[in-house]
Amino acid sequence: MQAPYLHIAFVCGSIPEDGKMPVEGLPNRVDVEGDTKKMSPFKLPIILFIGFVAGEYTGKAVISIQPVSPNEDTLPPHYSEVEFQESLNHRVYVSVKVEEFPVQQPGIYWFDVKLNGNPMARVPLEISYRRRMPKKPPSRRKKQVPLGFRKS
C-alpha cells in the first residue's frame, strides 16, 4: 500500500464559517462579462482546497501547487508543509487563499498539485468571457407589432 492519497481537491471563492464544505454547487467556472471585445486582465480572489489521507505514510511532506494559465505559462507556485500522523485514515487539509489571482485571458487555468514532488492531481478552473451587448437608445419609429397580430 502506497501513500498518502489524494482525498479531495477543488477551487472555490470562499469557505463557510463553519468550515463545512458542501459537495453540491462547487464552482468549476467563473463567468465574466465586460464591455470590450477582448477580456481585460483582472485579479480574482480564490481558495484552493486540498485534502490527503495518510495511508501508511507518516511524517512531514511538502505540498506544491503550480498554477498554469490557458496558454501554458506557469505562475508562481505555492508550497505548504504538512505532517501526517501514524494512522491509516489520518487526514490533512490545506486551504490556500489567493487574494489576487492574476487572470489574463479566458480559458482553463490548471492547478498542478504535487506531494513531495510527485504529481497527485490537476485541478481546473475555467474562466469564460462574454461581451455585454450595448443598450440601444429608444427608437423613434412606430411601435412594432408582432407578425401574428396585424392592424387592419
Protein backbone atom coordinates (compact mmCIF):
# COMPACT_ATOMS: atom_id res chain seq x y z
CA MET A 1 0.00 0.00 0.00
CA GLN A 2 1.48 3.31 -1.08
CA ALA A 3 0.54 6.61 0.43
CA PRO A 4 -0.53 9.36 1.00
CA TYR A 5 -3.59 9.50 -1.18
CA LEU A 6 -5.41 12.50 -2.59
CA HIS A 7 -8.76 12.77 -0.80
CA ILE A 8 -10.20 15.98 -2.32
CA ALA A 9 -9.09 18.99 -4.37
CA PHE A 10 -11.14 21.92 -5.67
CA VAL A 11 -11.15 25.66 -6.27
CA CYS A 12 -13.76 27.92 -4.66
CA GLY A 13 -14.40 31.55 -3.85
CA SER A 14 -14.92 31.15 -0.11
CA ILE A 15 -15.18 28.61 2.69
CA PRO A 16 -18.23 28.76 5.01
CA GLU A 17 -17.57 29.99 8.55
CA ASP A 18 -18.46 26.58 9.99
CA GLY A 19 -15.75 25.01 7.79
CA LYS A 20 -18.18 22.51 6.27
CA MET A 21 -17.89 22.38 2.52
CA PRO A 22 -20.99 21.47 0.52
CA VAL A 23 -20.39 18.77 -2.08
CA GLU A 24 -23.06 20.26 -4.34
CA GLY A 25 -22.58 23.57 -6.05
CA LEU A 26 -18.79 23.71 -6.13
CA PRO A 27 -17.86 26.08 -8.94
CA ASN A 28 -15.94 24.86 -11.95
CA ARG A 29 -16.25 28.07 -13.96
CA VAL A 30 -16.22 31.81 -13.41
CA ASP A 31 -18.34 33.77 -15.89
CA VAL A 32 -17.10 37.28 -16.63
CA GLU A 33 -18.98 39.98 -18.56
CA GLY A 34 -17.41 43.11 -19.97
CA ASP A 35 -17.92 45.99 -22.37
CA THR A 36 -14.92 45.26 -24.60
CA LYS A 37 -14.43 42.71 -27.35
CA LYS A 38 -11.44 41.20 -25.53
CA MET A 39 -11.36 40.49 -21.79
CA SER A 40 -9.22 42.87 -19.73
CA PRO A 41 -6.88 41.27 -17.17
CA PHE A 42 -8.17 41.29 -13.59
CA LYS A 43 -7.46 39.84 -10.14
CA LEU A 44 -9.72 37.10 -8.78
CA PRO A 45 -9.86 36.02 -5.12
CA ILE A 46 -9.79 32.21 -4.94
CA ILE A 47 -9.21 29.43 -2.45
CA LEU A 48 -7.69 26.12 -3.44
CA PHE A 49 -8.71 23.38 -1.02
CA ILE A 50 -6.73 20.11 -0.93
CA GLY A 51 -7.01 17.08 1.32
CA PHE A 52 -4.90 13.94 1.67
CA VAL A 53 -5.32 10.67 3.56
CA ALA A 54 -2.11 9.34 5.12
CA GLY A 55 -2.39 5.62 4.40
CA GLU A 56 0.91 4.17 5.63
CA TYR A 57 2.80 7.46 5.31
CA THR A 58 3.95 9.23 8.47
CA GLY A 59 5.99 12.37 8.88
CA LYS A 60 6.39 15.67 7.09
CA ALA A 61 5.58 16.26 3.45
CA VAL A 62 5.57 19.24 1.10
CA ILE A 63 2.52 20.08 -1.00
CA SER A 64 3.24 22.25 -4.02
CA ILE A 65 0.61 23.95 -6.14
CA GLN A 66 1.68 25.23 -9.55
CA PRO A 67 -0.86 27.38 -11.42
CA VAL A 68 -0.74 27.06 -15.22
CA SER A 69 -2.52 29.57 -17.49
CA PRO A 70 -4.55 28.61 -20.60
CA ASN A 71 -1.53 29.40 -22.80
CA GLU A 72 0.66 27.10 -20.63
CA ASP A 73 2.52 29.90 -18.81
CA THR A 74 3.36 28.89 -15.25
CA LEU A 75 2.56 31.29 -12.45
CA PRO A 76 4.39 31.47 -9.09
CA PRO A 77 3.92 28.22 -7.12
CA HIS A 78 2.70 27.88 -3.55
CA TYR A 79 4.28 25.49 -1.02
CA SER A 80 2.84 24.14 2.23
CA GLU A 81 4.48 21.78 4.67
CA VAL A 82 2.17 19.29 6.37
CA GLU A 83 2.64 16.42 8.79
CA PHE A 84 0.91 13.04 8.64
CA GLN A 85 0.24 11.19 11.89
CA GLU A 86 0.59 7.45 12.39
CA SER A 87 -2.89 6.39 11.33
CA LEU A 88 -4.09 4.87 8.06
CA ASN A 89 -7.07 7.23 7.99
CA HIS A 90 -5.31 10.41 9.21
CA ARG A 91 -6.33 13.35 7.02
CA VAL A 92 -4.51 16.55 6.26
CA TYR A 93 -6.27 19.52 4.70
CA VAL A 94 -4.72 22.65 3.24
CA SER A 95 -6.57 25.71 2.03
CA VAL A 96 -4.54 28.17 0.02
CA LYS A 97 -6.12 31.61 -0.14
CA VAL A 98 -5.01 33.77 -3.07
CA GLU A 99 -6.42 37.28 -2.68
CA GLU A 100 -5.40 38.41 -6.17
CA PHE A 101 -5.04 35.51 -8.59
CA PRO A 102 -3.98 37.08 -11.92
CA VAL A 103 -6.44 36.27 -14.71
CA GLN A 104 -5.01 37.40 -18.05
CA GLN A 105 -7.32 35.62 -20.51
CA PRO A 106 -10.33 33.34 -20.70
CA GLY A 107 -9.78 29.59 -20.77
CA ILE A 108 -8.91 26.81 -18.34
CA TYR A 109 -6.40 27.54 -15.60
CA TRP A 110 -4.88 24.39 -14.09
CA PHE A 111 -3.50 23.95 -10.59
CA ASP A 112 -0.94 21.13 -10.62
CA VAL A 113 -0.83 19.55 -7.16
CA LYS A 114 2.28 17.63 -6.10
CA LEU A 115 3.18 15.91 -2.86
CA ASN A 116 6.93 15.62 -2.21
CA GLY A 117 7.46 16.32 -5.92
CA ASN A 118 5.10 13.56 -7.09
CA PRO A 119 2.15 14.62 -9.28
CA MET A 120 -1.15 13.99 -7.47
CA ALA A 121 -3.83 15.99 -9.36
CA ARG A 122 -4.66 18.77 -11.81
CA VAL A 123 -7.50 20.97 -10.61
CA PRO A 124 -9.23 23.06 -13.32
CA LEU A 125 -10.79 26.50 -13.09
CA GLU A 126 -12.44 27.76 -16.26
CA ILE A 127 -12.76 31.49 -16.91
CA SER A 128 -15.34 32.36 -19.57
CA TYR A 129 -15.82 35.83 -21.04
CA ARG A 130 -18.89 37.29 -22.69
CA ARG A 131 -19.20 40.76 -24.11
CA ARG A 132 -22.19 42.69 -22.81
CA MET A 133 -24.41 43.92 -25.57
CA PRO A 134 -24.71 47.71 -25.52
CA LYS A 135 -28.14 49.06 -24.69
CA LYS A 136 -29.81 50.58 -27.72
CA PRO A 137 -31.33 54.05 -27.39
CA PRO A 138 -35.14 54.15 -27.66
CA SER A 139 -36.35 54.09 -31.25
CA ARG A 140 -38.40 56.98 -32.66
CA ARG A 141 -40.09 54.70 -35.15
CA LYS A 142 -43.64 53.44 -34.80
CA LYS A 143 -44.12 50.70 -32.31
CA GLN A 144 -43.55 47.28 -33.85
CA VAL A 145 -46.36 44.76 -33.78
CA PRO A 146 -45.71 41.01 -33.75
CA LEU A 147 -46.29 39.40 -37.16
CA GLY A 148 -49.22 37.32 -35.93
CA PHE A 149 -51.25 40.40 -34.88
CA ARG A 150 -51.53 42.97 -37.64
CA LYS A 151 -53.67 46.12 -37.53
CA SER A 152 -56.22 46.37 -40.31
